[in-house]
Amino acid sequence: MMDDKKGFDCRFVLEGFTTFELGKEYEIAVGFLNPEIALENLYEGKRISLWEGKKIAVGVVKEILGGSQN
């Protein structure tokens, strides 16, 4: 996940099998490899993008949950 300046290693937290379709919107929980670093840079309403060698999606942080995200 990238904000406007930094990248944060993350994974989707999904229940069961999920298929994503191009052009649709999804609300996805994310866990971070280093949550302390990621969470001090992210906030509700922050625009983000997902990278996998290139930008593959854009979004907005909707909610930040407390505690460890791993």
PDB file of N, CA and C in Angstrom:
ATOM      1  N   MET A   1       0.851  -1.160   0.000  1.00  0.00           N
ATOM      2  CA  MET A   1       0.000   0.000   0.000  1.00  0.00           C
ATOM      3  C   MET A   1       0.898   1.225   0.000  1.00  0.00           C
ATOM      4  N   MET A   2       0.509   2.220  -0.780  1.00  0.00           N
ATOM      5  CA  MET A   2       1.265   3.469  -0.865  1.00  0.00           C
ATOM      6  C   MET A   2       0.367   4.631  -0.471  1.00  0.00           C
ATOM      7  N   ASP A   3       0.939   5.566   0.300  1.00  0.00           N
ATOM      8  CA  ASP A   3       0.267   6.850   0.421  1.00  0.00           C
ATOM      9  C   ASP A   3       0.981   7.773  -0.564  1.00  0.00           C
ATOM     10  N   ASP A   4       0.943   9.044  -0.378  1.00  0.00           N
ATOM     11  CA  ASP A   4       1.571   9.943  -1.351  1.00  0.00           C
ATOM     12  C   ASP A   4       3.094   9.930  -1.300  1.00  0.00           C
ATOM     13  N   LYS A   5       3.687   9.378  -0.227  1.00  0.00           N
ATOM     14  CA  LYS A   5       5.138   9.425  -0.072  1.00  0.00           C
ATOM     15  C   LYS A   5       5.793   8.083   0.230  1.00  0.00           C
ATOM     16  N   LYS A   6       5.099   7.207   0.943  1.00  0.00           N
ATOM     17  CA  LYS A   6       5.724   5.994   1.464  1.00  0.00           C
ATOM     18  C   LYS A   6       4.942   4.745   1.082  1.00  0.00           C
ATOM     19  N   GLY A   7       5.663   3.606   1.113  1.00  0.00           N
ATOM     20  CA  GLY A   7       5.027   2.320   0.881  1.00  0.00           C
ATOM     21  C   GLY A   7       5.022   1.490   2.154  1.00  0.00           C
ATOM     22  N   PHE A   8       3.989   0.678   2.339  1.00  0.00           N
ATOM     23  CA  PHE A   8       3.835  -0.151   3.530  1.00  0.00           C
ATOM     24  C   PHE A   8       3.456  -1.563   3.104  1.00  0.00           C
ATOM     25  N   ASP A   9       4.281  -2.552   3.505  1.00  0.00           N
ATOM     26  CA  ASP A   9       3.954  -3.942   3.189  1.00  0.00           C
ATOM     27  C   ASP A   9       2.686  -4.338   3.929  1.00  0.00           C
ATOM     28  N   CYS A  10       1.746  -4.928   3.179  1.00  0.00           N
ATOM     29  CA  CYS A  10       0.471  -5.293   3.786  1.00  0.00           C
ATOM     30  C   CYS A  10      -0.110  -6.541   3.131  1.00  0.00           C
ATOM     31  N   ARG A  11      -1.154  -7.050   3.743  1.00  0.00           N
ATOM     32  CA  ARG A  11      -1.908  -8.174   3.179  1.00  0.00           C
ATOM     33  C   ARG A  11      -3.382  -7.919   3.410  1.00  0.00           C
ATOM     34  N   PHE A  12      -4.200  -8.444   2.509  1.00  0.00           N
ATOM     35  CA  PHE A  12      -5.649  -8.363   2.698  1.00  0.00           C
ATOM     36  C   PHE A  12      -6.056  -9.378   3.756  1.00  0.00           C
ATOM     37  N   VAL A  13      -7.024  -9.002   4.586  1.00  0.00           N
ATOM     38  CA  VAL A  13      -7.590  -9.920   5.566  1.00  0.00           C
ATOM     39  C   VAL A  13      -8.965 -10.307   5.026  1.00  0.00           C
ATOM     40  N   LEU A  14      -9.046 -11.488   4.410  1.00  0.00           N
ATOM     41  CA  LEU A  14     -10.263 -11.941   3.735  1.00  0.00           C
ATOM     42  C   LEU A  14     -10.819 -13.170   4.430  1.00  0.00           C
ATOM     43  N   GLU A  15     -12.117 -13.278   4.454  1.00  0.00           N
ATOM     44  CA  GLU A  15     -12.771 -14.466   4.988  1.00  0.00           C
ATOM     45  C   GLU A  15     -13.251 -15.309   3.824  1.00  0.00           C
ATOM     46  N   GLY A  16     -12.712 -16.519   3.698  1.00  0.00           N
ATOM     47  CA  GLY A  16     -13.131 -17.394   2.612  1.00  0.00           C
ATOM     48  C   GLY A  16     -12.561 -16.959   1.279  1.00  0.00           C
ATOM     49  N   PHE A  17     -13.047 -17.536   0.226  1.00  0.00           N
ATOM     50  CA  PHE A  17     -12.587 -17.237  -1.136  1.00  0.00           C
ATOM     51  C   PHE A  17     -13.276 -15.971  -1.628  1.00  0.00           C
ATOM     52  N   THR A  18     -12.498 -15.065  -2.184  1.00  0.00           N
ATOM     53  CA  THR A  18     -13.037 -13.811  -2.702  1.00  0.00           C
ATOM     54  C   THR A  18     -12.536 -13.590  -4.119  1.00  0.00           C
ATOM     55  N   THR A  19     -13.429 -13.278  -5.018  1.00  0.00           N
ATOM     56  CA  THR A  19     -13.073 -12.924  -6.389  1.00  0.00           C
ATOM     57  C   THR A  19     -13.293 -11.434  -6.566  1.00  0.00           C
ATOM     58  N   PHE A  20     -12.281 -10.746  -7.076  1.00  0.00           N
ATOM     59  CA  PHE A  20     -12.396  -9.319  -7.332  1.00  0.00           C
ATOM     60  C   PHE A  20     -12.642  -9.104  -8.820  1.00  0.00           C
ATOM     61  N   GLU A  21     -13.553  -8.193  -9.128  1.00  0.00           N
ATOM     62  CA  GLU A  21     -13.878  -7.889 -10.517  1.00  0.00           C
ATOM     63  C   GLU A  21     -13.441  -6.464 -10.836  1.00  0.00           C
ATOM     64  N   LEU A  22     -12.847  -6.297 -12.014  1.00  0.00           N
ATOM     65  CA  LEU A  22     -12.422  -4.972 -12.452  1.00  0.00           C
ATOM     66  C   LEU A  22     -13.599  -4.009 -12.483  1.00  0.00           C
ATOM     67  N   GLY A  23     -13.354  -2.781 -12.059  1.00  0.00           N
ATOM     68  CA  GLY A  23     -14.371  -1.743 -12.126  1.00  0.00           C
ATOM     69  C   GLY A  23     -15.325  -1.699 -10.945  1.00  0.00           C
ATOM     70  N   LYS A  24     -15.235  -2.662 -10.028  1.00  0.00           N
ATOM     71  CA  LYS A  24     -16.111  -2.669  -8.851  1.00  0.00           C
ATOM     72  C   LYS A  24     -15.360  -2.128  -7.646  1.00  0.00           C
ATOM     73  N   GLU A  25     -16.126  -1.646  -6.665  1.00  0.00           N
ATOM     74  CA  GLU A  25     -15.545  -1.124  -5.437  1.00  0.00           C
ATOM     75  C   GLU A  25     -15.685  -2.154  -4.326  1.00  0.00           C
ATOM     76  N   TYR A  26     -14.655  -2.223  -3.468  1.00  0.00           N
ATOM     77  CA  TYR A  26     -14.642  -3.170  -2.361  1.00  0.00           C
ATOM     78  C   TYR A  26     -14.151  -2.494  -1.101  1.00  0.00           C
ATOM     79  N   GLU A  27     -14.643  -2.942   0.022  1.00  0.00           N
ATOM     80  CA  GLU A  27     -14.131  -2.533   1.320  1.00  0.00           C
ATOM     81  C   GLU A  27     -13.343  -3.715   1.864  1.00  0.00           C
ATOM     82  N   ILE A  28     -12.027  -3.541   2.052  1.00  0.00           N
ATOM     83  CA  ILE A  28     -11.136  -4.644   2.379  1.00  0.00           C
ATOM     84  C   ILE A  28     -10.334  -4.312   3.628  1.00  0.00           C
ATOM     85  N   ALA A  29     -10.334  -5.218   4.598  1.00  0.00           N
ATOM     86  CA  ALA A  29      -9.485  -5.069   5.780  1.00  0.00           C
ATOM     87  C   ALA A  29      -8.048  -5.389   5.374  1.00  0.00           C
ATOM     88  N   VAL A  30      -7.096  -4.658   5.965  1.00  0.00           N
ATOM     89  CA  VAL A  30      -5.689  -4.815   5.625  1.00  0.00           C
ATOM     90  C   VAL A  30      -4.886  -4.989   6.905  1.00  0.00           C
ATOM     91  N   GLY A  31      -3.940  -5.930   6.896  1.00  0.00           N
ATOM     92  CA  GLY A  31      -2.980  -6.098   7.981  1.00  0.00           C
ATOM     93  C   GLY A  31      -1.615  -5.645   7.483  1.00  0.00           C
ATOM     94  N   PHE A  32      -0.815  -5.042   8.355  1.00  0.00           N
ATOM     95  CA  PHE A  32       0.490  -4.508   7.958  1.00  0.00           C
ATOM     96  C   PHE A  32       1.624  -5.316   8.571  1.00  0.00           C
ATOM     97  N   LEU A  33       2.714  -5.478   7.810  1.00  0.00           N
ATOM     98  CA  LEU A  33       3.906  -6.149   8.308  1.00  0.00           C
ATOM     99  C   LEU A  33       4.501  -5.362   9.478  1.00  0.00           C
ATOM    100  N   ASN A  34       4.509  -4.041   9.372  1.00  0.00           N
ATOM    101  CA  ASN A  34       4.988  -3.143  10.437  1.00  0.00           C
ATOM    102  C   ASN A  34       3.874  -2.148  10.772  1.00  0.00           C
ATOM    103  N   PRO A  35       2.885  -2.583  11.555  1.00  0.00           N
ATOM    104  CA  PRO A  35       1.729  -1.711  11.801  1.00  0.00           C
ATOM    105  C   PRO A  35       2.075  -0.391  12.481  1.00  0.00           C
ATOM    106  N   GLU A  36       3.088  -0.383  13.349  1.00  0.00           N
ATOM    107  CA  GLU A  36       3.419   0.857  14.042  1.00  0.00           C
ATOM    108  C   GLU A  36       3.818   1.942  13.044  1.00  0.00           C
ATOM    109  N   ILE A  37       4.633   1.579  12.060  1.00  0.00           N
ATOM    110  CA  ILE A  37       5.092   2.551  11.064  1.00  0.00           C
ATOM    111  C   ILE A  37       3.945   2.964  10.144  1.00  0.00           C
ATOM    112  N   ALA A  38       3.186   1.976   9.669  1.00  0.00           N
ATOM    113  CA  ALA A  38       2.080   2.281   8.747  1.00  0.00           C
ATOM    114  C   ALA A  38       1.033   3.163   9.418  1.00  0.00           C
ATOM    115  N   LEU A  39       0.643   2.800  10.625  1.00  0.00           N
ATOM    116  CA  LEU A  39      -0.465   3.500  11.268  1.00  0.00           C
ATOM    117  C   LEU A  39      -0.114   4.920  11.709  1.00  0.00           C
ATOM    118  N   GLU A  40       1.172   5.205  11.900  1.00  0.00           N
ATOM    119  CA  GLU A  40       1.513   6.592  12.239  1.00  0.00           C
ATOM    120  C   GLU A  40       1.467   7.490  11.012  1.00  0.00           C
ATOM    121  N   ASN A  41       1.361   6.901   9.808  1.00  0.00           N
ATOM    122  CA  ASN A  41       1.310   7.671   8.566  1.00  0.00           C
ATOM    123  C   ASN A  41      -0.064   7.677   7.900  1.00  0.00           C
ATOM    124  N   LEU A  42      -0.984   6.854   8.355  1.00  0.00           N
ATOM    125  CA  LEU A  42      -2.306   6.748   7.736  1.00  0.00           C
ATOM    126  C   LEU A  42      -3.376   7.309   8.661  1.00  0.00           C
ATOM    127  N   TYR A  43      -4.458   7.775   8.085  1.00  0.00           N
ATOM    128  CA  TYR A  43      -5.582   8.295   8.865  1.00  0.00           C
ATOM    129  C   TYR A  43      -6.848   8.147   8.029  1.00  0.00           C
ATOM    130  N   GLU A  44      -7.991   8.191   8.694  1.00  0.00           N
ATOM    131  CA  GLU A  44      -9.269   8.077   7.982  1.00  0.00           C
ATOM    132  C   GLU A  44      -9.388   9.205   6.969  1.00  0.00           C
ATOM    133  N   GLY A  45      -9.755   8.838   5.750  1.00  0.00           N
ATOM    134  CA  GLY A  45      -9.869   9.802   4.673  1.00  0.00           C
ATOM    135  C   GLY A  45      -8.612   9.913   3.811  1.00  0.00           C
ATOM    136  N   LYS A  46      -7.515   9.304   4.249  1.00  0.00           N
ATOM    137  CA  LYS A  46      -6.251   9.345   3.492  1.00  0.00           C
ATOM    138  C   LYS A  46      -6.388   8.551   2.200  1.00  0.00           C
ATOM    139  N   ARG A  47      -5.984   9.148   1.081  1.00  0.00           N
ATOM    140  CA  ARG A  47      -6.026   8.462  -0.212  1.00  0.00           C
ATOM    141  C   ARG A  47      -4.808   7.553  -0.324  1.00  0.00           C
ATOM    142  N   ILE A  48      -5.012   6.326  -0.790  1.00  0.00           N
ATOM    143  CA  ILE A  48      -3.943   5.343  -0.906  1.00  0.00           C
ATOM    144  C   ILE A  48      -4.022   4.651  -2.269  1.00  0.00           C
ATOM    145  N   SER A  49      -2.969   3.931  -2.605  1.00  0.00           N
ATOM    146  CA  SER A  49      -2.994   3.086  -3.797  1.00  0.00           C
ATOM    147  C   SER A  49      -2.347   1.754  -3.454  1.00  0.00           C
ATOM    148  N   LEU A  50      -2.714   0.733  -4.182  1.00  0.00           N
ATOM    149  CA  LEU A  50      -2.116  -0.588  -4.025  1.00  0.00           C
ATOM    150  C   LEU A  50      -1.173  -0.822  -5.190  1.00  0.00           C
ATOM    151  N   TRP A  51       0.008  -1.324  -4.871  1.00  0.00           N
ATOM    152  CA  TRP A  51       1.040  -1.579  -5.873  1.00  0.00           C
ATOM    153  C   TRP A  51       1.393  -3.051  -5.892  1.00  0.00           C
ATOM    154  N   GLU A  52       1.550  -3.584  -7.069  1.00  0.00           N
ATOM    155  CA  GLU A  52       2.088  -4.926  -7.288  1.00  0.00           C
ATOM    156  C   GLU A  52       2.933  -4.815  -8.552  1.00  0.00           C
ATOM    157  N   GLY A  53       4.101  -4.147  -8.417  1.00  0.00           N
ATOM    158  CA  GLY A  53       4.940  -3.849  -9.570  1.00  0.00           C
ATOM    159  C   GLY A  53       4.482  -2.615 -10.320  1.00  0.00           C
ATOM    160  N   LYS A  54       3.222  -2.247 -10.148  1.00  0.00           N
ATOM    161  CA  LYS A  54       2.629  -1.039 -10.711  1.00  0.00           C
ATOM    162  C   LYS A  54       1.346  -0.754  -9.923  1.00  0.00           C
ATOM    163  N   LYS A  55       0.763   0.407 -10.130  1.00  0.00           N
ATOM    164  CA  LYS A  55      -0.480   0.734  -9.429  1.00  0.00           C
ATOM    165  C   LYS A  55      -1.592  -0.172  -9.948  1.00  0.00           C
ATOM    166  N   ILE A  56      -2.244  -0.910  -9.030  1.00  0.00           N
ATOM    167  CA  ILE A  56      -3.325  -1.810  -9.429  1.00  0.00           C
ATOM    168  C   ILE A  56      -4.682  -1.384  -8.876  1.00  0.00           C
ATOM    169  N   ALA A  57      -4.683  -0.465  -7.904  1.00  0.00           N
ATOM    170  CA  ALA A  57      -5.954  -0.006  -7.330  1.00  0.00           C
ATOM    171  C   ALA A  57      -5.724   1.288  -6.556  1.00  0.00           C
ATOM    172  N   VAL A  58      -6.786   2.051  -6.386  1.00  0.00           N
ATOM    173  CA  VAL A  58      -6.757   3.250  -5.558  1.00  0.00           C
ATOM    174  C   VAL A  58      -7.894   3.168  -4.555  1.00  0.00           C
ATOM    175  N   GLY A  59      -7.729   3.883  -3.458  1.00  0.00           N
ATOM    176  CA  GLY A  59      -8.782   3.850  -2.456  1.00  0.00           C
ATOM    177  C   GLY A  59      -8.592   4.914  -1.398  1.00  0.00           C
ATOM    178  N   VAL A  60      -9.387   4.787  -0.353  1.00  0.00           N
ATOM    179  CA  VAL A  60      -9.389   5.716   0.771  1.00  0.00           C
ATOM    180  C   VAL A  60      -9.458   4.902   2.058  1.00  0.00           C
ATOM    181  N   VAL A  61      -8.677   5.304   3.064  1.00  0.00           N
ATOM    182  CA  VAL A  61      -8.753   4.671   4.382  1.00  0.00           C
ATOM    183  C   VAL A  61     -10.103   5.043   4.991  1.00  0.00           C
ATOM    184  N   LYS A  62     -10.925   4.034   5.306  1.00  0.00           N
ATOM    185  CA  LYS A  62     -12.252   4.290   5.859  1.00  0.00           C
ATOM    186  C   LYS A  62     -12.280   4.208   7.369  1.00  0.00           C
ATOM    187  N   GLU A  63     -11.461   3.317   7.941  1.00  0.00           N
ATOM    188  CA  GLU A  63     -11.476   3.131   9.397  1.00  0.00           C
ATOM    189  C   GLU A  63     -10.144   2.540   9.819  1.00  0.00           C
ATOM    190  N   ILE A  64      -9.652   2.963  10.981  1.00  0.00           N
ATOM    191  CA  ILE A  64      -8.431   2.407  11.546  1.00  0.00           C
ATOM    192  C   ILE A  64      -8.802   1.717  12.846  1.00  0.00           C
ATOM    193  N   LEU A  65      -8.484   0.426  12.905  1.00  0.00           N
ATOM    194  CA  LEU A  65      -8.793  -0.372  14.084  1.00  0.00           C
ATOM    195  C   LEU A  65      -7.599  -0.389  15.018  1.00  0.00           C
ATOM    196  N   GLY A  66      -7.840  -0.430  16.322  1.00  0.00           N
ATOM    197  CA  GLY A  66      -6.766  -0.464  17.294  1.00  0.00           C
ATOM    198  C   GLY A  66      -6.138  -1.842  17.416  1.00  0.00           C
ATOM    199  N   GLY A  67      -5.003  -1.896  18.091  1.00  0.00           N
ATOM    200  CA  GLY A  67      -4.328  -3.166  18.337  1.00  0.00           C
ATOM    201  C   GLY A  67      -3.491  -3.604  17.163  1.00  0.00           C
ATOM    202  N   SER A  68      -2.881  -4.768  17.317  1.00  0.00           N
ATOM    203  CA  SER A  68      -2.016  -5.327  16.271  1.00  0.00           C
ATOM    204  C   SER A  68      -2.827  -5.725  15.072  1.00  0.00           C
ATOM    205  N   GLN A  69      -2.337  -5.441  13.881  1.00  0.00           N
ATOM    206  CA  GLN A  69      -3.039  -5.742  12.644  1.00  0.00           C
ATOM    207  C   GLN A  69      -2.451  -6.966  11.968  1.00  0.00           C
ATOM    208  N   ASN A  70      -1.481  -7.656  12.565  1.00  0.00           N
ATOM    209  CA  ASN A  70      -0.860  -8.833  11.949  1.00  0.00           C
ATOM    210  C   ASN A  70      -1.637 -10.075  12.223  1.00  0.00           C
TER     211      ASN A  70
END
